[in-house]
Amino acid sequence: MTRVAAIDCGTNSVRLLIADVVPGVDTTSEIVRIATVTRLGQGVDRTGRLDPEALARTVATIREFAELIEAHDVERVRFVATSAMRDAENASEFTEAVEAILAVVPEVISGQEEAALSFAGAVSVAAGEHPGPFLVVDLGGGSTELVLGERAPEAAISLDVGGVRMHERHLHSDPPTQAEIDAAAADVRAALDRAAAVVPLGRTSTLIGVAGTITTVTAHAQRLPSYQRERIDGAVLPTGIVLAAAQDLLHLTRAERGVLPYLQPGRIDVIGAGALVWFEVATRVMAEVEAAGGELPTIVTSEHDILDGIALSLR
C-alpha cells in the first residue's frame, strides 16, 4: 500500500486528495479530500495570461497543501494542471513556484489526458453499480471533458467551454439577460457539435457528471440544507429534475445564489454559467440517446473524479 497525494489545479479551484492505493486495485482509500476556490483562470480567456492576484491566491493554497502532505507522510505526489495553464503564456511563473514548494514538477496535461484521468476516477466506483457504456462529463471552469467507454476510454474530447470561461465571455448581467444566455448556449452547442463528431454520445447507457458545478447542481436539485457529500456522491436523479435545477441556478440573481447553503462563495458568480453548460450537455446527450433508440431517464453524480484518477496513476 502506498500513500499518495493527488493535486488537481483547475481554472476555478485547486484540490487535494491524500489516499492509500494498492497495486492492481482500482479504488482509493481516502484520507483527505479538500478543495479551495482560487480562480487561477481569472481573465485568462481574455488576456491569455495568469493574473498576479490569482497566481498569489493559488500559490498560498499550495503552501497549505504542502503542510498537509508532510503531516500525512505521503510517499508520492502528482500535480496536474489543466485548462487555465494550457492557455496561459506565463504558466512557467506558476510551475516554478509550485516546484519550489512541493519539489514536484507540475504537469500541464492535455485535454485528452484530463478526460482519461476523470474517466478512471469516476468509473472506479460507478462500474460496479451502473451499466456501461459510461459517458463521464468533467465540467470545469475553463473546459469540459466528455469521455465514453466501458472499463477504459474509447472516445474522448476536451471542449473549451466551462463555467468561468462562459461567465467571463457572455453572462455579464445580474441576472443574465436572455440575449446573453442565447449567446452562451450557442457557444456550447457549437462545441457539442464538434464533440458529437468524435464521441458517439448516443451509445451512452449511464451519464456521470463530476466536478464542482455538477455536484452543486445536484445539491440544488435536492434542496440540501448544506453541502452533504454523502447525499451528492452517487446520487441518481431523474434527468428532468437535473435540467430544471440547472435552469433555476442560471436564472437566479447573485444575491439569491449567495444564500444557498451548499454553494461555495467562490462559485456564486460563475455557477449560472456552469449550470448552463451542464444543461446543454445533458440535453444533447439525452437527444442523441433517444435518436439511437434508447433513453436516458436518470443522471449520476460522482465525487470521484480526476483526483481519484491521478491517485490511481501513482500505484
Protein backbone atom coordinates (compact mmCIF):
# COMPACT_ATOMS: atom_id res chain seq x y z
CA MET A 1 0.00 0.00 0.00
CA THR A 2 1.34 3.42 -0.99
CA ARG A 3 0.25 6.77 0.42
CA VAL A 4 -0.09 9.29 -2.38
CA ALA A 5 -1.15 12.89 -2.89
CA ALA A 6 -3.02 13.99 -6.00
CA ILE A 7 -3.40 17.68 -6.79
CA ASP A 8 -5.74 18.96 -9.49
CA CYS A 9 -5.21 22.62 -10.35
CA GLY A 10 -8.13 23.85 -12.42
CA THR A 11 -9.42 27.16 -13.69
CA ASN A 12 -11.67 27.81 -10.68
CA SER A 13 -10.39 25.60 -7.88
CA VAL A 14 -7.34 23.71 -6.70
CA ARG A 15 -7.96 20.38 -4.99
CA LEU A 16 -6.02 17.83 -2.97
CA LEU A 17 -6.61 14.13 -2.37
CA ILE A 18 -4.40 12.17 0.02
CA ALA A 19 -5.15 8.46 -0.23
CA ASP A 20 -3.72 4.98 0.11
CA VAL A 21 -3.55 2.98 -3.11
CA VAL A 22 -2.76 -0.67 -3.76
CA PRO A 23 -1.30 -2.11 -7.00
CA GLY A 24 -3.99 -3.83 -9.04
CA VAL A 25 -6.87 -2.31 -7.06
CA ASP A 26 -8.99 0.25 -8.91
CA THR A 27 -10.21 2.21 -5.90
CA THR A 28 -8.55 4.55 -3.40
CA SER A 29 -8.70 4.60 0.38
CA GLU A 30 -9.34 8.28 1.00
CA ILE A 31 -7.68 10.12 3.88
CA VAL A 32 -8.01 13.81 2.97
CA ARG A 33 -10.04 15.46 0.21
CA ILE A 34 -10.12 19.25 0.11
CA ALA A 35 -10.99 21.90 -2.48
CA THR A 36 -10.29 25.64 -2.42
CA VAL A 37 -11.66 28.13 -4.95
CA THR A 38 -8.74 30.34 -6.05
CA ARG A 39 -9.91 31.27 -9.58
CA LEU A 40 -6.46 30.73 -11.14
CA GLY A 41 -8.02 31.17 -14.57
CA GLN A 42 -9.39 34.64 -13.82
CA GLY A 43 -9.23 36.63 -17.07
CA VAL A 44 -7.16 34.04 -18.94
CA ASP A 45 -9.76 33.65 -21.70
CA ARG A 46 -9.47 37.39 -22.42
CA THR A 47 -5.78 38.12 -21.74
CA GLY A 48 -4.02 34.81 -22.29
CA ARG A 49 -2.12 35.35 -19.03
CA LEU A 50 -2.41 34.36 -15.38
CA ASP A 51 -3.49 37.30 -13.22
CA PRO A 52 -0.92 38.14 -10.48
CA GLU A 53 -3.55 38.16 -7.72
CA ALA A 54 -4.99 34.83 -8.86
CA LEU A 55 -1.47 33.43 -9.01
CA ALA A 56 -0.76 34.59 -5.44
CA ARG A 57 -4.03 33.09 -4.12
CA THR A 58 -3.28 29.74 -5.68
CA VAL A 59 0.33 29.61 -4.54
CA ALA A 60 -0.81 30.33 -0.96
CA THR A 61 -3.20 27.39 -1.17
CA ILE A 62 -0.43 25.12 -2.47
CA ARG A 63 1.63 26.02 0.61
CA GLU A 64 -1.28 24.88 2.79
CA PHE A 65 -1.50 21.64 0.82
CA ALA A 66 2.23 21.09 1.28
CA GLU A 67 1.76 21.17 5.07
CA LEU A 68 -0.97 18.53 4.86
CA ILE A 69 1.16 16.35 2.58
CA GLU A 70 4.05 16.47 5.05
CA ALA A 71 1.80 15.80 8.04
CA HIS A 72 0.39 12.63 6.43
CA ASP A 73 3.75 11.09 5.43
CA VAL A 74 2.93 11.00 1.74
CA GLU A 75 5.29 8.91 -0.39
CA ARG A 76 4.38 10.07 -3.91
CA VAL A 77 2.92 13.31 -5.22
CA ARG A 78 1.49 14.15 -8.63
CA PHE A 79 0.44 17.69 -9.51
CA VAL A 80 -1.75 18.11 -12.57
CA ALA A 81 -2.76 21.46 -14.08
CA THR A 82 -5.46 21.80 -16.70
CA SER A 83 -7.28 24.39 -18.82
CA ALA A 84 -6.03 27.71 -17.40
CA MET A 85 -2.43 26.55 -17.51
CA ARG A 86 -2.81 25.24 -21.05
CA ASP A 87 -3.98 28.68 -22.16
CA ALA A 88 -1.65 30.98 -20.15
CA GLU A 89 1.52 32.25 -21.81
CA ASN A 90 3.10 32.94 -18.40
CA ALA A 91 2.33 29.47 -16.97
CA SER A 92 6.01 28.98 -16.11
CA GLU A 93 5.69 31.54 -13.30
CA PHE A 94 3.25 29.22 -11.58
CA THR A 95 5.01 25.94 -12.31
CA GLU A 96 8.29 27.31 -10.92
CA ALA A 97 6.56 28.45 -7.72
CA VAL A 98 4.90 25.07 -7.24
CA GLU A 99 8.14 23.18 -7.80
CA ALA A 100 9.86 25.33 -5.18
CA ILE A 101 7.12 24.48 -2.63
CA LEU A 102 6.50 20.79 -3.33
CA ALA A 103 9.72 19.66 -5.04
CA VAL A 104 7.45 18.23 -7.75
CA VAL A 105 7.24 19.43 -11.33
CA PRO A 106 3.61 20.31 -12.20
CA GLU A 107 2.28 18.57 -15.29
CA VAL A 108 0.26 20.72 -17.66
CA ILE A 109 -1.73 17.91 -19.21
CA SER A 110 -3.67 17.82 -22.46
CA GLY A 111 -7.45 17.79 -22.60
CA GLN A 112 -7.31 14.15 -23.72
CA GLU A 113 -5.29 13.08 -20.68
CA GLU A 114 -7.55 15.13 -18.43
CA ALA A 115 -10.53 13.24 -19.86
CA ALA A 116 -8.84 9.86 -19.34
CA LEU A 117 -7.99 10.61 -15.71
CA SER A 118 -11.53 11.84 -14.99
CA PHE A 119 -12.94 8.69 -16.55
CA ALA A 120 -10.66 6.45 -14.48
CA GLY A 121 -11.69 8.20 -11.28
CA ALA A 122 -15.43 8.15 -11.92
CA VAL A 123 -15.61 4.61 -13.29
CA SER A 124 -13.51 3.25 -10.39
CA VAL A 125 -16.72 3.39 -8.35
CA ALA A 126 -19.55 3.53 -10.89
CA ALA A 127 -18.56 0.42 -12.87
CA GLY A 128 -19.86 -1.86 -10.13
CA GLU A 129 -23.15 -0.01 -9.73
CA HIS A 130 -24.35 1.09 -13.18
CA PRO A 131 -24.40 -0.29 -16.73
CA GLY A 132 -21.95 0.85 -19.39
CA PRO A 133 -21.04 2.37 -21.70
CA PHE A 134 -20.41 5.33 -19.42
CA LEU A 135 -20.21 8.91 -20.59
CA VAL A 136 -18.20 10.82 -17.99
CA VAL A 137 -18.54 14.61 -18.15
CA ASP A 138 -15.98 16.65 -16.22
CA LEU A 139 -17.27 20.23 -16.24
CA GLY A 140 -14.58 22.65 -15.10
CA GLY A 141 -14.03 26.36 -15.09
CA GLY A 142 -12.21 26.56 -18.39
CA SER A 143 -13.01 23.35 -20.21
CA THR A 144 -15.39 20.41 -20.27
CA GLU A 145 -14.25 16.86 -20.99
CA LEU A 146 -16.52 14.16 -22.39
CA VAL A 147 -15.23 10.59 -22.43
CA LEU A 148 -17.11 7.42 -23.37
CA GLY A 149 -16.16 3.86 -22.56
CA GLU A 150 -16.74 0.72 -20.53
CA ARG A 151 -13.66 -0.08 -18.42
CA ALA A 152 -11.37 2.24 -20.40
CA PRO A 153 -11.88 5.33 -22.58
CA GLU A 154 -12.94 4.56 -26.14
CA ALA A 155 -13.58 8.11 -27.36
CA ALA A 156 -12.91 11.46 -25.71
CA ILE A 157 -12.79 15.19 -26.36
CA SER A 158 -11.96 18.33 -24.41
CA LEU A 159 -14.02 21.42 -25.17
CA ASP A 160 -13.06 25.00 -24.31
CA VAL A 161 -16.37 25.68 -22.57
CA GLY A 162 -16.56 25.89 -18.78
CA GLY A 163 -18.21 27.88 -16.03
CA VAL A 164 -15.59 30.60 -15.68
CA ARG A 165 -14.97 30.93 -19.41
CA MET A 166 -18.68 31.19 -20.30
CA HIS A 167 -19.31 33.61 -17.45
CA GLU A 168 -16.50 35.94 -18.48
CA ARG A 169 -17.34 35.66 -22.16
CA HIS A 170 -21.13 36.02 -22.08
CA LEU A 171 -23.04 36.34 -18.79
CA HIS A 172 -22.34 39.89 -17.61
CA SER A 173 -25.75 40.95 -16.24
CA ASP A 174 -27.30 40.05 -12.91
CA PRO A 175 -29.31 38.01 -13.61
CA PRO A 176 -28.15 37.27 -17.17
CA THR A 177 -30.31 38.57 -19.98
CA GLN A 178 -31.92 36.24 -22.48
CA ALA A 179 -29.62 37.57 -25.18
CA GLU A 180 -26.57 36.68 -23.05
CA ILE A 181 -27.98 33.23 -22.32
CA ASP A 182 -28.67 32.62 -26.01
CA ALA A 183 -25.12 33.63 -26.95
CA ALA A 184 -23.61 31.34 -24.31
CA ALA A 185 -25.88 28.45 -25.30
CA ALA A 186 -24.92 28.88 -28.96
CA ASP A 187 -21.25 28.73 -27.97
CA VAL A 188 -21.78 25.50 -26.02
CA ARG A 189 -23.94 23.92 -28.74
CA ALA A 190 -21.27 24.60 -31.37
CA ALA A 191 -18.74 22.86 -29.13
CA LEU A 192 -21.11 19.92 -28.66
CA ASP A 193 -21.46 19.61 -32.43
CA ARG A 194 -17.69 19.07 -32.52
CA ALA A 195 -17.94 16.60 -29.66
CA ALA A 196 -20.67 14.55 -31.35
CA ALA A 197 -18.42 14.10 -34.39
CA VAL A 198 -15.78 12.46 -32.19
CA VAL A 199 -17.67 10.83 -29.31
CA PRO A 200 -20.72 8.62 -30.11
CA LEU A 201 -22.96 10.19 -27.48
CA GLY A 202 -25.92 8.01 -28.48
CA ARG A 203 -24.19 4.91 -27.08
CA THR A 204 -24.41 6.27 -23.53
CA SER A 205 -26.08 3.96 -21.03
CA THR A 206 -25.04 5.89 -17.92
CA LEU A 207 -24.28 9.62 -17.88
CA ILE A 208 -21.95 10.50 -14.99
CA GLY A 209 -21.25 14.12 -14.09
CA VAL A 210 -18.25 15.12 -11.98
CA ALA A 211 -16.66 18.29 -10.55
CA GLY A 212 -17.94 21.29 -8.60
CA THR A 213 -20.54 22.72 -10.96
CA ILE A 214 -22.30 19.39 -11.35
CA THR A 215 -22.18 18.50 -7.67
CA THR A 216 -23.63 21.94 -6.89
CA VAL A 217 -26.48 21.44 -9.39
CA THR A 218 -27.12 18.08 -7.73
CA ALA A 219 -27.25 19.71 -4.29
CA HIS A 220 -29.65 22.33 -5.68
CA ALA A 221 -31.87 19.66 -7.23
CA GLN A 222 -32.18 18.02 -3.81
CA ARG A 223 -32.52 21.36 -1.96
CA LEU A 224 -29.99 20.22 0.62
CA PRO A 225 -29.63 22.20 3.87
CA SER A 226 -25.84 22.19 3.40
CA TYR A 227 -23.24 20.63 1.11
CA GLN A 228 -23.68 16.99 2.11
CA ARG A 229 -21.20 14.85 0.25
CA GLU A 230 -22.93 11.63 1.28
CA ARG A 231 -26.14 12.84 -0.44
CA ILE A 232 -24.33 14.03 -3.55
CA ASP A 233 -21.80 11.29 -4.24
CA GLY A 234 -23.53 8.56 -6.21
CA ALA A 235 -26.83 10.44 -6.44
CA VAL A 236 -29.11 9.13 -9.19
CA LEU A 237 -31.65 11.79 -10.15
CA PRO A 238 -34.29 11.97 -12.89
CA THR A 239 -32.90 13.80 -15.90
CA GLY A 240 -35.77 16.29 -15.90
CA ILE A 241 -35.07 17.22 -12.27
CA VAL A 242 -31.40 17.87 -13.06
CA LEU A 243 -32.24 20.00 -16.08
CA ALA A 244 -34.77 22.04 -14.08
CA ALA A 245 -32.23 22.64 -11.29
CA ALA A 246 -29.64 23.82 -13.81
CA GLN A 247 -32.11 26.24 -15.37
CA ASP A 248 -33.09 27.57 -11.97
CA LEU A 249 -29.49 28.29 -10.96
CA LEU A 250 -28.88 30.01 -14.28
CA HIS A 251 -31.72 32.50 -13.76
CA LEU A 252 -31.12 33.35 -10.08
CA THR A 253 -29.56 36.67 -9.13
CA ARG A 254 -26.19 36.75 -7.42
CA ALA A 255 -27.90 37.67 -4.14
CA GLU A 256 -30.27 34.71 -4.44
CA ARG A 257 -27.36 32.34 -5.11
CA GLY A 258 -25.45 33.83 -2.20
CA VAL A 259 -27.89 32.46 0.37
CA LEU A 260 -27.84 28.89 -0.95
CA PRO A 261 -26.33 26.86 1.90
CA TYR A 262 -24.49 24.35 -0.34
CA LEU A 263 -22.81 26.86 -2.64
CA GLN A 264 -19.16 27.82 -2.06
CA PRO A 265 -18.70 31.62 -2.06
CA GLY A 266 -16.16 31.32 -4.87
CA ARG A 267 -18.79 29.78 -7.13
CA ILE A 268 -21.55 32.35 -6.64
CA ASP A 269 -20.76 34.39 -9.76
CA VAL A 270 -19.95 31.50 -12.12
CA ILE A 271 -22.40 28.78 -11.12
CA GLY A 272 -25.06 30.11 -13.51
CA ALA A 273 -22.74 29.74 -16.49
CA GLY A 274 -21.63 26.30 -15.31
CA ALA A 275 -25.25 25.25 -14.91
CA LEU A 276 -25.95 26.43 -18.46
CA VAL A 277 -23.13 24.24 -19.78
CA TRP A 278 -24.41 21.22 -17.85
CA PHE A 279 -27.96 21.82 -19.10
CA GLU A 280 -26.78 21.95 -22.71
CA VAL A 281 -24.56 18.86 -22.36
CA ALA A 282 -27.22 16.75 -20.67
CA THR A 283 -29.90 17.88 -23.13
CA ARG A 284 -27.69 16.99 -26.12
CA VAL A 285 -26.75 13.59 -24.70
CA MET A 286 -30.39 12.77 -23.97
CA ALA A 287 -31.36 13.73 -27.54
CA GLU A 288 -28.55 11.62 -29.04
CA VAL A 289 -29.51 8.60 -26.92
CA GLU A 290 -33.16 8.91 -27.90
CA ALA A 291 -32.22 9.27 -31.57
CA ALA A 292 -30.32 5.98 -31.25
CA GLY A 293 -33.45 4.27 -29.88
CA GLY A 294 -32.57 4.41 -26.20
CA GLU A 295 -33.49 6.55 -23.22
CA LEU A 296 -31.68 8.48 -20.51
CA PRO A 297 -34.11 8.62 -17.58
CA THR A 298 -31.52 9.43 -14.91
CA ILE A 299 -28.16 11.13 -14.39
CA VAL A 300 -25.50 10.00 -11.91
CA THR A 301 -23.32 12.43 -9.96
CA SER A 302 -19.94 11.33 -8.62
CA GLU A 303 -17.49 12.91 -6.19
CA HIS A 304 -14.89 10.52 -7.62
CA ASP A 305 -13.19 12.28 -10.48
CA ILE A 306 -9.82 13.36 -11.85
CA LEU A 307 -8.33 13.42 -8.34
CA ASP A 308 -9.01 9.70 -7.97
CA GLY A 309 -7.64 9.09 -11.45
CA ILE A 310 -4.42 10.93 -10.57
CA ALA A 311 -4.08 8.98 -7.31
CA LEU A 312 -4.63 5.65 -9.07
CA SER A 313 -1.95 6.55 -11.61
CA LEU A 314 0.56 6.58 -8.71
CA ARG A 315 0.00 2.94 -7.74
